[in-house]
Amino acid sequence: MARIQILELPEGPDDDRPPFVLVIDQYQPQRYIIGPDQPEPIDEFEGIAQKIGARAVLVFADQIDIPANEVPVDPDGYPLRIRVEPDFNDFRTQVDQEIRSTLDRAAHAISSIRDGRRD
């Protein structure tokens, strides 16, 4: 049975919503006979991308796994949620250094103005 997956693409500056590609895999082509005046097979997916707002529709007979669509599960089979706690220690040190440096430059500029110098 065919599967449908969504492959999200990086957003561009003019995108009002995240762009995506519709991926259909394990697809078994069907043969339709419309009538004697249409000898060519029809494209079942023609115009689908435009109708759903996708950038493209990719269709494969084989199974295609998109790693971004994999959901990690815990030992009980439930979706695994990971929370990442930031470490701000280095960031605080860097901000403190920048503040001190800015204050030193400001104090030097003020003393230069008072003394009538241009440094």
PDB file of N, CA and C in Angstrom:
ATOM      1  N   MET A   1       0.835  -1.170   0.000  1.00  0.00           N
ATOM      2  CA  MET A   1       0.000   0.000   0.000  1.00  0.00           C
ATOM      3  C   MET A   1       0.887   1.244   0.000  1.00  0.00           C
ATOM      4  N   ALA A   2       0.525   2.209  -0.764  1.00  0.00           N
ATOM      5  CA  ALA A   2       1.314   3.434  -0.888  1.00  0.00           C
ATOM      6  C   ALA A   2       1.303   4.206   0.427  1.00  0.00           C
ATOM      7  N   ARG A   3       2.442   4.865   0.690  1.00  0.00           N
ATOM      8  CA  ARG A   3       2.557   5.712   1.876  1.00  0.00           C
ATOM      9  C   ARG A   3       2.718   7.151   1.425  1.00  0.00           C
ATOM     10  N   ILE A   4       2.246   8.073   2.242  1.00  0.00           N
ATOM     11  CA  ILE A   4       2.394   9.499   1.972  1.00  0.00           C
ATOM     12  C   ILE A   4       3.246  10.091   3.087  1.00  0.00           C
ATOM     13  N   GLN A   5       4.276  10.862   2.694  1.00  0.00           N
ATOM     14  CA  GLN A   5       5.132  11.530   3.656  1.00  0.00           C
ATOM     15  C   GLN A   5       5.295  12.984   3.231  1.00  0.00           C
ATOM     16  N   ILE A   6       5.653  13.808   4.181  1.00  0.00           N
ATOM     17  CA  ILE A   6       5.926  15.226   3.925  1.00  0.00           C
ATOM     18  C   ILE A   6       7.401  15.468   4.193  1.00  0.00           C
ATOM     19  N   LEU A   7       8.080  16.082   3.243  1.00  0.00           N
ATOM     20  CA  LEU A   7       9.470  16.485   3.418  1.00  0.00           C
ATOM     21  C   LEU A   7       9.487  18.004   3.495  1.00  0.00           C
ATOM     22  N   GLU A   8       9.749  18.524   4.708  1.00  0.00           N
ATOM     23  CA  GLU A   8       9.791  19.975   4.868  1.00  0.00           C
ATOM     24  C   GLU A   8      11.096  20.511   4.281  1.00  0.00           C
ATOM     25  N   LEU A   9      10.996  21.649   3.634  1.00  0.00           N
ATOM     26  CA  LEU A   9      12.143  22.306   3.019  1.00  0.00           C
ATOM     27  C   LEU A   9      12.488  23.556   3.817  1.00  0.00           C
ATOM     28  N   PRO A  10      13.732  24.039   3.690  1.00  0.00           N
ATOM     29  CA  PRO A  10      14.086  25.288   4.388  1.00  0.00           C
ATOM     30  C   PRO A  10      13.251  26.453   3.865  1.00  0.00           C
ATOM     31  N   GLU A  11      12.882  27.337   4.788  1.00  0.00           N
ATOM     32  CA  GLU A  11      12.080  28.500   4.403  1.00  0.00           C
ATOM     33  C   GLU A  11      12.947  29.541   3.718  1.00  0.00           C
ATOM     34  N   GLY A  12      12.380  30.176   2.717  1.00  0.00           N
ATOM     35  CA  GLY A  12      13.035  31.281   2.035  1.00  0.00           C
ATOM     36  C   GLY A  12      12.484  32.598   2.543  1.00  0.00           C
ATOM     37  N   PRO A  13      13.073  33.709   2.152  1.00  0.00           N
ATOM     38  CA  PRO A  13      12.619  35.007   2.661  1.00  0.00           C
ATOM     39  C   PRO A  13      11.205  35.371   2.198  1.00  0.00           C
ATOM     40  N   ASP A  14      10.755  34.836   1.078  1.00  0.00           N
ATOM     41  CA  ASP A  14       9.435  35.187   0.552  1.00  0.00           C
ATOM     42  C   ASP A  14       8.362  34.149   0.877  1.00  0.00           C
ATOM     43  N   ASP A  15       8.692  33.143   1.689  1.00  0.00           N
ATOM     44  CA  ASP A  15       7.727  32.099   2.009  1.00  0.00           C
ATOM     45  C   ASP A  15       6.804  32.549   3.129  1.00  0.00           C
ATOM     46  N   ASP A  16       5.490  32.483   2.877  1.00  0.00           N
ATOM     47  CA  ASP A  16       4.531  32.838   3.927  1.00  0.00           C
ATOM     48  C   ASP A  16       4.197  31.623   4.791  1.00  0.00           C
ATOM     49  N   ARG A  17       4.566  30.425   4.336  1.00  0.00           N
ATOM     50  CA  ARG A  17       4.431  29.208   5.131  1.00  0.00           C
ATOM     51  C   ARG A  17       5.565  28.268   4.732  1.00  0.00           C
ATOM     52  N   PRO A  18       5.916  27.322   5.596  1.00  0.00           N
ATOM     53  CA  PRO A  18       7.052  26.439   5.281  1.00  0.00           C
ATOM     54  C   PRO A  18       6.809  25.642   3.999  1.00  0.00           C
ATOM     55  N   PRO A  19       7.769  25.654   3.082  1.00  0.00           N
ATOM     56  CA  PRO A  19       7.620  24.878   1.851  1.00  0.00           C
ATOM     57  C   PRO A  19       7.811  23.381   2.135  1.00  0.00           C
ATOM     58  N   PHE A  20       7.203  22.557   1.292  1.00  0.00           N
ATOM     59  CA  PHE A  20       7.317  21.116   1.489  1.00  0.00           C
ATOM     60  C   PHE A  20       7.191  20.397   0.152  1.00  0.00           C
ATOM     61  N   VAL A  21       7.597  19.127   0.183  1.00  0.00           N
ATOM     62  CA  VAL A  21       7.455  18.236  -0.964  1.00  0.00           C
ATOM     63  C   VAL A  21       6.622  17.054  -0.489  1.00  0.00           C
ATOM     64  N   LEU A  22       5.647  16.644  -1.273  1.00  0.00           N
ATOM     65  CA  LEU A  22       4.856  15.464  -0.969  1.00  0.00           C
ATOM     66  C   LEU A  22       5.590  14.257  -1.556  1.00  0.00           C
ATOM     67  N   VAL A  23       5.858  13.264  -0.712  1.00  0.00           N
ATOM     68  CA  VAL A  23       6.569  12.056  -1.146  1.00  0.00           C
ATOM     69  C   VAL A  23       5.616  10.878  -1.012  1.00  0.00           C
ATOM     70  N   ILE A  24       5.412  10.183  -2.120  1.00  0.00           N
ATOM     71  CA  ILE A  24       4.562   8.989  -2.128  1.00  0.00           C
ATOM     72  C   ILE A  24       5.468   7.828  -2.512  1.00  0.00           C
ATOM     73  N   ASP A  25       5.541   6.836  -1.619  1.00  0.00           N
ATOM     74  CA  ASP A  25       6.381   5.682  -1.940  1.00  0.00           C
ATOM     75  C   ASP A  25       5.557   4.397  -1.872  1.00  0.00           C
ATOM     76  N   GLN A  26       6.161   3.299  -2.274  1.00  0.00           N
ATOM     77  CA  GLN A  26       5.515   1.996  -2.381  1.00  0.00           C
ATOM     78  C   GLN A  26       4.272   2.087  -3.271  1.00  0.00           C
ATOM     79  N   TYR A  27       4.394   2.902  -4.290  1.00  0.00           N
ATOM     80  CA  TYR A  27       3.270   3.141  -5.195  1.00  0.00           C
ATOM     81  C   TYR A  27       3.261   2.111  -6.318  1.00  0.00           C
ATOM     82  N   GLN A  28       2.109   1.529  -6.548  1.00  0.00           N
ATOM     83  CA  GLN A  28       1.929   0.604  -7.664  1.00  0.00           C
ATOM     84  C   GLN A  28       1.137   1.336  -8.739  1.00  0.00           C
ATOM     85  N   PRO A  29       1.750   1.610  -9.890  1.00  0.00           N
ATOM     86  CA  PRO A  29       1.034   2.355 -10.930  1.00  0.00           C
ATOM     87  C   PRO A  29      -0.231   1.620 -11.382  1.00  0.00           C
ATOM     88  N   GLN A  30      -1.240   2.402 -11.628  1.00  0.00           N
ATOM     89  CA  GLN A  30      -2.510   1.873 -12.113  1.00  0.00           C
ATOM     90  C   GLN A  30      -2.623   2.205 -13.601  1.00  0.00           C
ATOM     91  N   ARG A  31      -3.284   1.375 -14.322  1.00  0.00           N
ATOM     92  CA  ARG A  31      -3.484   1.629 -15.739  1.00  0.00           C
ATOM     93  C   ARG A  31      -4.963   1.942 -15.959  1.00  0.00           C
ATOM     94  N   TYR A  32      -5.212   3.112 -16.493  1.00  0.00           N
ATOM     95  CA  TYR A  32      -6.577   3.547 -16.737  1.00  0.00           C
ATOM     96  C   TYR A  32      -6.814   3.611 -18.235  1.00  0.00           C
ATOM     97  N   ILE A  33      -7.924   3.101 -18.657  1.00  0.00           N
ATOM     98  CA  ILE A  33      -8.319   3.223 -20.051  1.00  0.00           C
ATOM     99  C   ILE A  33      -9.503   4.176 -20.080  1.00  0.00           C
ATOM    100  N   ILE A  34      -9.268   5.346 -20.612  1.00  0.00           N
ATOM    101  CA  ILE A  34     -10.301   6.363 -20.655  1.00  0.00           C
ATOM    102  C   ILE A  34     -11.193   6.175 -21.880  1.00  0.00           C
ATOM    103  N   GLY A  35     -10.563   5.919 -23.000  1.00  0.00           N
ATOM    104  CA  GLY A  35     -11.330   5.732 -24.233  1.00  0.00           C
ATOM    105  C   GLY A  35     -10.384   5.618 -25.409  1.00  0.00           C
ATOM    106  N   PRO A  36     -10.924   5.337 -26.572  1.00  0.00           N
ATOM    107  CA  PRO A  36     -10.062   5.158 -27.739  1.00  0.00           C
ATOM    108  C   PRO A  36      -9.378   6.445 -28.185  1.00  0.00           C
ATOM    109  N   ASP A  37      -9.922   7.588 -27.806  1.00  0.00           N
ATOM    110  CA  ASP A  37      -9.310   8.849 -28.230  1.00  0.00           C
ATOM    111  C   ASP A  37      -8.171   9.293 -27.295  1.00  0.00           C
ATOM    112  N   GLN A  38      -7.893   8.532 -26.238  1.00  0.00           N
ATOM    113  CA  GLN A  38      -6.795   8.863 -25.323  1.00  0.00           C
ATOM    114  C   GLN A  38      -5.912   7.627 -25.149  1.00  0.00           C
ATOM    115  N   PRO A  39      -4.999   7.398 -26.102  1.00  0.00           N
ATOM    116  CA  PRO A  39      -4.161   6.201 -26.033  1.00  0.00           C
ATOM    117  C   PRO A  39      -3.041   6.304 -24.988  1.00  0.00           C
ATOM    118  N   GLU A  40      -2.655   7.512 -24.624  1.00  0.00           N
ATOM    119  CA  GLU A  40      -1.573   7.688 -23.654  1.00  0.00           C
ATOM    120  C   GLU A  40      -2.094   7.517 -22.236  1.00  0.00           C
ATOM    121  N   PRO A  41      -1.289   6.915 -21.345  1.00  0.00           N
ATOM    122  CA  PRO A  41      -1.726   6.818 -19.948  1.00  0.00           C
ATOM    123  C   PRO A  41      -1.810   8.205 -19.319  1.00  0.00           C
ATOM    124  N   ILE A  42      -2.748   8.370 -18.402  1.00  0.00           N
ATOM    125  CA  ILE A  42      -2.881   9.667 -17.754  1.00  0.00           C
ATOM    126  C   ILE A  42      -1.939   9.736 -16.555  1.00  0.00           C
ATOM    127  N   ASP A  43      -1.536  10.939 -16.190  1.00  0.00           N
ATOM    128  CA  ASP A  43      -0.685  11.169 -15.034  1.00  0.00           C
ATOM    129  C   ASP A  43      -1.592  11.437 -13.842  1.00  0.00           C
ATOM    130  N   GLU A  44      -1.646  10.485 -12.915  1.00  0.00           N
ATOM    131  CA  GLU A  44      -2.533  10.605 -11.762  1.00  0.00           C
ATOM    132  C   GLU A  44      -2.169  11.772 -10.854  1.00  0.00           C
ATOM    133  N   PHE A  45      -0.920  12.197 -10.886  1.00  0.00           N
ATOM    134  CA  PHE A  45      -0.447  13.210  -9.963  1.00  0.00           C
ATOM    135  C   PHE A  45      -0.289  14.582 -10.605  1.00  0.00           C
ATOM    136  N   GLU A  46      -0.750  14.713 -11.829  1.00  0.00           N
ATOM    137  CA  GLU A  46      -0.649  15.993 -12.523  1.00  0.00           C
ATOM    138  C   GLU A  46      -1.478  17.054 -11.799  1.00  0.00           C
ATOM    139  N   GLY A  47      -0.848  18.159 -11.480  1.00  0.00           N
ATOM    140  CA  GLY A  47      -1.536  19.272 -10.843  1.00  0.00           C
ATOM    141  C   GLY A  47      -1.728  19.145  -9.339  1.00  0.00           C
ATOM    142  N   ILE A  48      -1.341  18.030  -8.757  1.00  0.00           N
ATOM    143  CA  ILE A  48      -1.541  17.833  -7.318  1.00  0.00           C
ATOM    144  C   ILE A  48      -0.687  18.821  -6.518  1.00  0.00           C
ATOM    145  N   ALA A  49       0.561  19.019  -6.912  1.00  0.00           N
ATOM    146  CA  ALA A  49       1.446  19.932  -6.171  1.00  0.00           C
ATOM    147  C   ALA A  49       0.837  21.324  -6.090  1.00  0.00           C
ATOM    148  N   GLN A  50       0.316  21.826  -7.189  1.00  0.00           N
ATOM    149  CA  GLN A  50      -0.287  23.152  -7.192  1.00  0.00           C
ATOM    150  C   GLN A  50      -1.535  23.198  -6.312  1.00  0.00           C
ATOM    151  N   LYS A  51      -2.317  22.139  -6.332  1.00  0.00           N
ATOM    152  CA  LYS A  51      -3.561  22.117  -5.561  1.00  0.00           C
ATOM    153  C   LYS A  51      -3.316  22.117  -4.052  1.00  0.00           C
ATOM    154  N   ILE A  52      -2.253  21.446  -3.603  1.00  0.00           N
ATOM    155  CA  ILE A  52      -2.010  21.352  -2.163  1.00  0.00           C
ATOM    156  C   ILE A  52      -0.940  22.331  -1.685  1.00  0.00           C
ATOM    157  N   GLY A  53      -0.330  23.066  -2.601  1.00  0.00           N
ATOM    158  CA  GLY A  53       0.676  24.054  -2.213  1.00  0.00           C
ATOM    159  C   GLY A  53       2.064  23.483  -2.020  1.00  0.00           C
ATOM    160  N   ALA A  54       2.320  22.291  -2.546  1.00  0.00           N
ATOM    161  CA  ALA A  54       3.647  21.676  -2.434  1.00  0.00           C
ATOM    162  C   ALA A  54       4.557  22.195  -3.533  1.00  0.00           C
ATOM    163  N   ARG A  55       5.854  22.107  -3.281  1.00  0.00           N
ATOM    164  CA  ARG A  55       6.816  22.486  -4.318  1.00  0.00           C
ATOM    165  C   ARG A  55       6.880  21.416  -5.405  1.00  0.00           C
ATOM    166  N   ALA A  56       6.635  20.154  -5.003  1.00  0.00           N
ATOM    167  CA  ALA A  56       6.676  19.046  -5.961  1.00  0.00           C
ATOM    168  C   ALA A  56       6.001  17.833  -5.346  1.00  0.00           C
ATOM    169  N   VAL A  57       5.704  16.850  -6.183  1.00  0.00           N
ATOM    170  CA  VAL A  57       5.228  15.546  -5.730  1.00  0.00           C
ATOM    171  C   VAL A  57       6.211  14.527  -6.279  1.00  0.00           C
ATOM    172  N   LEU A  58       6.817  13.760  -5.378  1.00  0.00           N
ATOM    173  CA  LEU A  58       7.763  12.720  -5.771  1.00  0.00           C
ATOM    174  C   LEU A  58       7.105  11.371  -5.537  1.00  0.00           C
ATOM    175  N   VAL A  59       7.101  10.518  -6.558  1.00  0.00           N
ATOM    176  CA  VAL A  59       6.433   9.222  -6.481  1.00  0.00           C
ATOM    177  C   VAL A  59       7.463   8.132  -6.774  1.00  0.00           C
ATOM    178  N   PHE A  60       7.530   7.114  -5.866  1.00  0.00           N
ATOM    179  CA  PHE A  60       8.497   6.031  -5.981  1.00  0.00           C
ATOM    180  C   PHE A  60       7.796   4.693  -5.815  1.00  0.00           C
ATOM    181  N   ALA A  61       8.276   3.688  -6.529  1.00  0.00           N
ATOM    182  CA  ALA A  61       7.762   2.329  -6.357  1.00  0.00           C
ATOM    183  C   ALA A  61       8.369   1.696  -5.109  1.00  0.00           C
ATOM    184  N   ASP A  62       9.620   2.056  -4.796  1.00  0.00           N
ATOM    185  CA  ASP A  62      10.298   1.505  -3.628  1.00  0.00           C
ATOM    186  C   ASP A  62       9.965   2.310  -2.383  1.00  0.00           C
ATOM    187  N   GLN A  63      10.344   1.770  -1.227  1.00  0.00           N
ATOM    188  CA  GLN A  63      10.125   2.483   0.033  1.00  0.00           C
ATOM    189  C   GLN A  63      11.226   3.524   0.216  1.00  0.00           C
ATOM    190  N   ILE A  64      10.828   4.731   0.528  1.00  0.00           N
ATOM    191  CA  ILE A  64      11.752   5.839   0.762  1.00  0.00           C
ATOM    192  C   ILE A  64      11.553   6.290   2.202  1.00  0.00           C
ATOM    193  N   ASP A  65      12.618   6.236   2.994  1.00  0.00           N
ATOM    194  CA  ASP A  65      12.527   6.691   4.376  1.00  0.00           C
ATOM    195  C   ASP A  65      13.157   8.063   4.497  1.00  0.00           C
ATOM    196  N   ILE A  66      12.411   8.982   5.046  1.00  0.00           N
ATOM    197  CA  ILE A  66      12.891  10.343   5.260  1.00  0.00           C
ATOM    198  C   ILE A  66      13.297  10.447   6.721  1.00  0.00           C
ATOM    199  N   PRO A  67      14.594  10.574   7.021  1.00  0.00           N
ATOM    200  CA  PRO A  67      15.043  10.589   8.420  1.00  0.00           C
ATOM    201  C   PRO A  67      14.372  11.668   9.263  1.00  0.00           C
ATOM    202  N   ALA A  68      14.044  12.804   8.685  1.00  0.00           N
ATOM    203  CA  ALA A  68      13.413  13.880   9.459  1.00  0.00           C
ATOM    204  C   ALA A  68      12.032  13.483   9.951  1.00  0.00           C
ATOM    205  N   ASN A  69      11.411  12.493   9.338  1.00  0.00           N
ATOM    206  CA  ASN A  69      10.067  12.071   9.742  1.00  0.00           C
ATOM    207  C   ASN A  69      10.076  10.976  10.797  1.00  0.00           C
ATOM    208  N   GLU A  70      11.256  10.493  11.172  1.00  0.00           N
ATOM    209  CA  GLU A  70      11.328   9.447  12.184  1.00  0.00           C
ATOM    210  C   GLU A  70      11.082  10.047  13.566  1.00  0.00           C
ATOM    211  N   VAL A  71      10.260   9.385  14.334  1.00  0.00           N
ATOM    212  CA  VAL A  71       9.957   9.836  15.691  1.00  0.00           C
ATOM    213  C   VAL A  71      10.616   8.854  16.654  1.00  0.00           C
ATOM    214  N   PRO A  72      11.567   9.324  17.476  1.00  0.00           N
ATOM    215  CA  PRO A  72      12.176   8.402  18.436  1.00  0.00           C
ATOM    216  C   PRO A  72      11.152   7.982  19.495  1.00  0.00           C
ATOM    217  N   VAL A  73      11.218   6.715  19.901  1.00  0.00           N
ATOM    218  CA  VAL A  73      10.290   6.212  20.901  1.00  0.00           C
ATOM    219  C   VAL A  73      11.059   5.700  22.115  1.00  0.00           C
ATOM    220  N   ASP A  74      10.378   5.735  23.273  1.00  0.00           N
ATOM    221  CA  ASP A  74      10.997   5.218  24.494  1.00  0.00           C
ATOM    222  C   ASP A  74      10.794   3.706  24.543  1.00  0.00           C
ATOM    223  N   PRO A  75      11.332   3.024  25.557  1.00  0.00           N
ATOM    224  CA  PRO A  75      11.199   1.562  25.620  1.00  0.00           C
ATOM    225  C   PRO A  75       9.750   1.057  25.628  1.00  0.00           C
ATOM    226  N   ASP A  76       8.802   1.911  26.047  1.00  0.00           N
ATOM    227  CA  ASP A  76       7.401   1.509  26.065  1.00  0.00           C
ATOM    228  C   ASP A  76       6.698   1.762  24.737  1.00  0.00           C
ATOM    229  N   GLY A  77       7.397   2.364  23.776  1.00  0.00           N
ATOM    230  CA  GLY A  77       6.813   2.622  22.468  1.00  0.00           C
ATOM    231  C   GLY A  77       6.155   3.976  22.334  1.00  0.00           C
ATOM    232  N   TYR A  78       6.256   4.821  23.358  1.00  0.00           N
ATOM    233  CA  TYR A  78       5.678   6.160  23.299  1.00  0.00           C
ATOM    234  C   TYR A  78       6.692   7.132  22.696  1.00  0.00           C
ATOM    235  N   PRO A  79       6.208   8.173  22.005  1.00  0.00           N
ATOM    236  CA  PRO A  79       7.148   9.162  21.441  1.00  0.00           C
ATOM    237  C   PRO A  79       8.050   9.740  22.538  1.00  0.00           C
ATOM    238  N   LEU A  80       9.318   9.795  22.239  1.00  0.00           N
ATOM    239  CA  LEU A  80      10.313  10.273  23.194  1.00  0.00           C
ATOM    240  C   LEU A  80      10.432  11.785  23.073  1.00  0.00           C
ATOM    241  N   ARG A  81      10.366  12.453  24.200  1.00  0.00           N
ATOM    242  CA  ARG A  81      10.538  13.902  24.231  1.00  0.00           C
ATOM    243  C   ARG A  81      11.853  14.204  24.934  1.00  0.00           C
ATOM    244  N   ILE A  82      12.627  15.043  24.302  1.00  0.00           N
ATOM    245  CA  ILE A  82      13.926  15.417  24.859  1.00  0.00           C
ATOM    246  C   ILE A  82      13.898  16.906  25.144  1.00  0.00           C
ATOM    247  N   ARG A  83      14.310  17.263  26.336  1.00  0.00           N
ATOM    248  CA  ARG A  83      14.380  18.672  26.694  1.00  0.00           C
ATOM    249  C   ARG A  83      15.850  19.029  26.868  1.00  0.00           C
ATOM    250  N   VAL A  84      16.285  20.030  26.162  1.00  0.00           N
ATOM    251  CA  VAL A  84      17.674  20.471  26.226  1.00  0.00           C
ATOM    252  C   VAL A  84      17.743  21.728  27.080  1.00  0.00           C
ATOM    253  N   GLU A  85      18.517  21.650  28.145  1.00  0.00           N
ATOM    254  CA  GLU A  85      18.698  22.799  29.031  1.00  0.00           C
ATOM    255  C   GLU A  85      19.964  23.540  28.598  1.00  0.00           C
ATOM    256  N   PRO A  86      19.860  24.830  28.348  1.00  0.00           N
ATOM    257  CA  PRO A  86      21.044  25.582  27.927  1.00  0.00           C
ATOM    258  C   PRO A  86      22.007  25.802  29.089  1.00  0.00           C
ATOM    259  N   ASP A  87      23.279  25.914  28.768  1.00  0.00           N
ATOM    260  CA  ASP A  87      24.310  26.217  29.751  1.00  0.00           C
ATOM    261  C   ASP A  87      24.775  27.635  29.474  1.00  0.00           C
ATOM    262  N   PHE A  88      24.389  28.561  30.356  1.00  0.00           N
ATOM    263  CA  PHE A  88      24.680  29.969  30.150  1.00  0.00           C
ATOM    264  C   PHE A  88      25.948  30.451  30.863  1.00  0.00           C
ATOM    265  N   ASN A  89      26.696  29.558  31.497  1.00  0.00           N
ATOM    266  CA  ASN A  89      27.873  30.001  32.242  1.00  0.00           C
ATOM    267  C   ASN A  89      28.882  30.718  31.355  1.00  0.00           C
ATOM    268  N   ASP A  90      29.250  30.115  30.237  1.00  0.00           N
ATOM    269  CA  ASP A  90      30.196  30.755  29.323  1.00  0.00           C
ATOM    270  C   ASP A  90      29.604  32.023  28.722  1.00  0.00           C
ATOM    271  N   PHE A  91      28.318  32.013  28.458  1.00  0.00           N
ATOM    272  CA  PHE A  91      27.659  33.172  27.882  1.00  0.00           C
ATOM    273  C   PHE A  91      27.696  34.348  28.857  1.00  0.00           C
ATOM    274  N   ARG A  92      27.417  34.067  30.142  1.00  0.00           N
ATOM    275  CA  ARG A  92      27.452  35.133  31.149  1.00  0.00           C
ATOM    276  C   ARG A  92      28.842  35.744  31.252  1.00  0.00           C
ATOM    277  N   THR A  93      29.870  34.901  31.229  1.00  0.00           N
ATOM    278  CA  THR A  93      31.248  35.388  31.300  1.00  0.00           C
ATOM    279  C   THR A  93      31.556  36.285  30.109  1.00  0.00           C
ATOM    280  N   GLN A  94      31.138  35.861  28.932  1.00  0.00           N
ATOM    281  CA  GLN A  94      31.388  36.640  27.721  1.00  0.00           C
ATOM    282  C   GLN A  94      30.650  37.976  27.775  1.00  0.00           C
ATOM    283  N   VAL A  95      29.413  37.982  28.249  1.00  0.00           N
ATOM    284  CA  VAL A  95      28.649  39.227  28.357  1.00  0.00           C
ATOM    285  C   VAL A  95      29.301  40.157  29.369  1.00  0.00           C
ATOM    286  N   ASP A  96      29.730  39.616  30.520  1.00  0.00           N
ATOM    287  CA  ASP A  96      30.411  40.439  31.534  1.00  0.00           C
ATOM    288  C   ASP A  96      31.672  41.083  30.959  1.00  0.00           C
ATOM    289  N   GLN A  97      32.442  40.332  30.200  1.00  0.00           N
ATOM    290  CA  GLN A  97      33.669  40.875  29.592  1.00  0.00           C
ATOM    291  C   GLN A  97      33.337  41.995  28.608  1.00  0.00           C
ATOM    292  N   GLU A  98      32.302  41.798  27.812  1.00  0.00           N
ATOM    293  CA  GLU A  98      31.908  42.832  26.847  1.00  0.00           C
ATOM    294  C   GLU A  98      31.418  44.093  27.551  1.00  0.00           C
ATOM    295  N   ILE A  99      30.673  43.920  28.637  1.00  0.00           N
ATOM    296  CA  ILE A  99      30.195  45.080  29.398  1.00  0.00           C
ATOM    297  C   ILE A  99      31.371  45.850  29.979  1.00  0.00           C
ATOM    298  N   ARG A 100      32.313  45.137  30.594  1.00  0.00           N
ATOM    299  CA  ARG A 100      33.496  45.807  31.164  1.00  0.00           C
ATOM    300  C   ARG A 100      34.291  46.537  30.087  1.00  0.00           C
ATOM    301  N   SER A 101      34.476  45.886  28.944  1.00  0.00           N
ATOM    302  CA  SER A 101      35.222  46.502  27.853  1.00  0.00           C
ATOM    303  C   SER A 101      34.523  47.769  27.360  1.00  0.00           C
ATOM    304  N   THR A 102      33.202  47.719  27.231  1.00  0.00           N
ATOM    305  CA  THR A 102      32.443  48.881  26.778  1.00  0.00           C
ATOM    306  C   THR A 102      32.511  50.009  27.797  1.00  0.00           C
ATOM    307  N   LEU A 103      32.395  49.675  29.073  1.00  0.00           N
ATOM    308  CA  LEU A 103      32.498  50.699  30.115  1.00  0.00           C
ATOM    309  C   LEU A 103      33.885  51.346  30.132  1.00  0.00           C
ATOM    310  N   ASP A 104      34.927  50.550  29.960  1.00  0.00           N
ATOM    311  CA  ASP A 104      36.295  51.089  29.906  1.00  0.00           C
ATOM    312  C   ASP A 104      36.466  52.041  28.728  1.00  0.00           C
ATOM    313  N   ARG A 105      35.931  51.655  27.559  1.00  0.00           N
ATOM    314  CA  ARG A 105      36.034  52.529  26.387  1.00  0.00           C
ATOM    315  C   ARG A 105      35.236  53.807  26.572  1.00  0.00           C
ATOM    316  N   ALA A 106      34.061  53.691  27.207  1.00  0.00           N
ATOM    317  CA  ALA A 106      33.242  54.877  27.455  1.00  0.00           C
ATOM    318  C   ALA A 106      33.949  55.809  28.438  1.00  0.00           C
ATOM    319  N   ALA A 107      34.545  55.253  29.495  1.00  0.00           N
ATOM    320  CA  ALA A 107      35.270  56.072  30.478  1.00  0.00           C
ATOM    321  C   ALA A 107      36.465  56.754  29.824  1.00  0.00           C
ATOM    322  N   HIS A 108      37.162  56.056  28.947  1.00  0.00           N
ATOM    323  CA  HIS A 108      38.314  56.628  28.248  1.00  0.00           C
ATOM    324  C   HIS A 108      37.855  57.771  27.324  1.00  0.00           C
ATOM    325  N   ALA A 109      36.737  57.563  26.638  1.00  0.00           N
ATOM    326  CA  ALA A 109      36.221  58.609  25.743  1.00  0.00           C
ATOM    327  C   ALA A 109      35.789  59.837  26.533  1.00  0.00           C
ATOM    328  N   ILE A 110      35.150  59.641  27.679  1.00  0.00           N
ATOM    329  CA  ILE A 110      34.720  60.773  28.508  1.00  0.00           C
ATOM    330  C   ILE A 110      35.919  61.544  29.030  1.00  0.00           C
ATOM    331  N   SER A 111      36.961  60.819  29.497  1.00  0.00           N
ATOM    332  CA  SER A 111      38.150  61.519  30.012  1.00  0.00           C
ATOM    333  C   SER A 111      38.880  62.252  28.886  1.00  0.00           C
ATOM    334  N   SER A 112      38.841  61.706  27.679  1.00  0.00           N
ATOM    335  CA  SER A 112      39.478  62.381  26.545  1.00  0.00           C
ATOM    336  C   SER A 112      38.751  63.671  26.208  1.00  0.00           C
ATOM    337  N   ILE A 113      37.425  63.651  26.299  1.00  0.00           N
ATOM    338  CA  ILE A 113      36.630  64.851  26.014  1.00  0.00           C
ATOM    339  C   ILE A 113      36.906  65.910  27.076  1.00  0.00           C
ATOM    340  N   ARG A 114      36.988  65.493  28.333  1.00  0.00           N
ATOM    341  CA  ARG A 114      37.250  66.444  29.421  1.00  0.00           C
ATOM    342  C   ARG A 114      38.623  67.092  29.273  1.00  0.00           C
ATOM    343  N   ASP A 115      39.587  66.296  28.829  1.00  0.00           N
ATOM    344  CA  ASP A 115      40.950  66.813  28.687  1.00  0.00           C
ATOM    345  C   ASP A 115      41.157  67.562  27.365  1.00  0.00           C
ATOM    346  N   GLY A 116      40.178  67.537  26.502  1.00  0.00           N
ATOM    347  CA  GLY A 116      40.283  68.225  25.233  1.00  0.00           C
ATOM    348  C   GLY A 116      41.101  67.447  24.215  1.00  0.00           C
ATOM    349  N   ARG A 117      41.288  66.167  24.432  1.00  0.00           N
ATOM    350  CA  ARG A 117      42.037  65.323  23.480  1.00  0.00           C
ATOM    351  C   ARG A 117      41.083  64.614  22.542  1.00  0.00           C
ATOM    352  N   ARG A 118      41.627  64.220  21.421  1.00  0.00           N
ATOM    353  CA  ARG A 118      40.884  63.369  20.482  1.00  0.00           C
ATOM    354  C   ARG A 118      41.675  62.096  20.286  1.00  0.00           C
ATOM    355  N   ASP A 119      41.222  61.040  20.890  1.00  0.00           N
ATOM    356  CA  ASP A 119      41.934  59.746  20.768  1.00  0.00           C
ATOM    357  C   ASP A 119      41.251  58.860  19.767  1.00  0.00           C
TER     358      ASP A 119
END
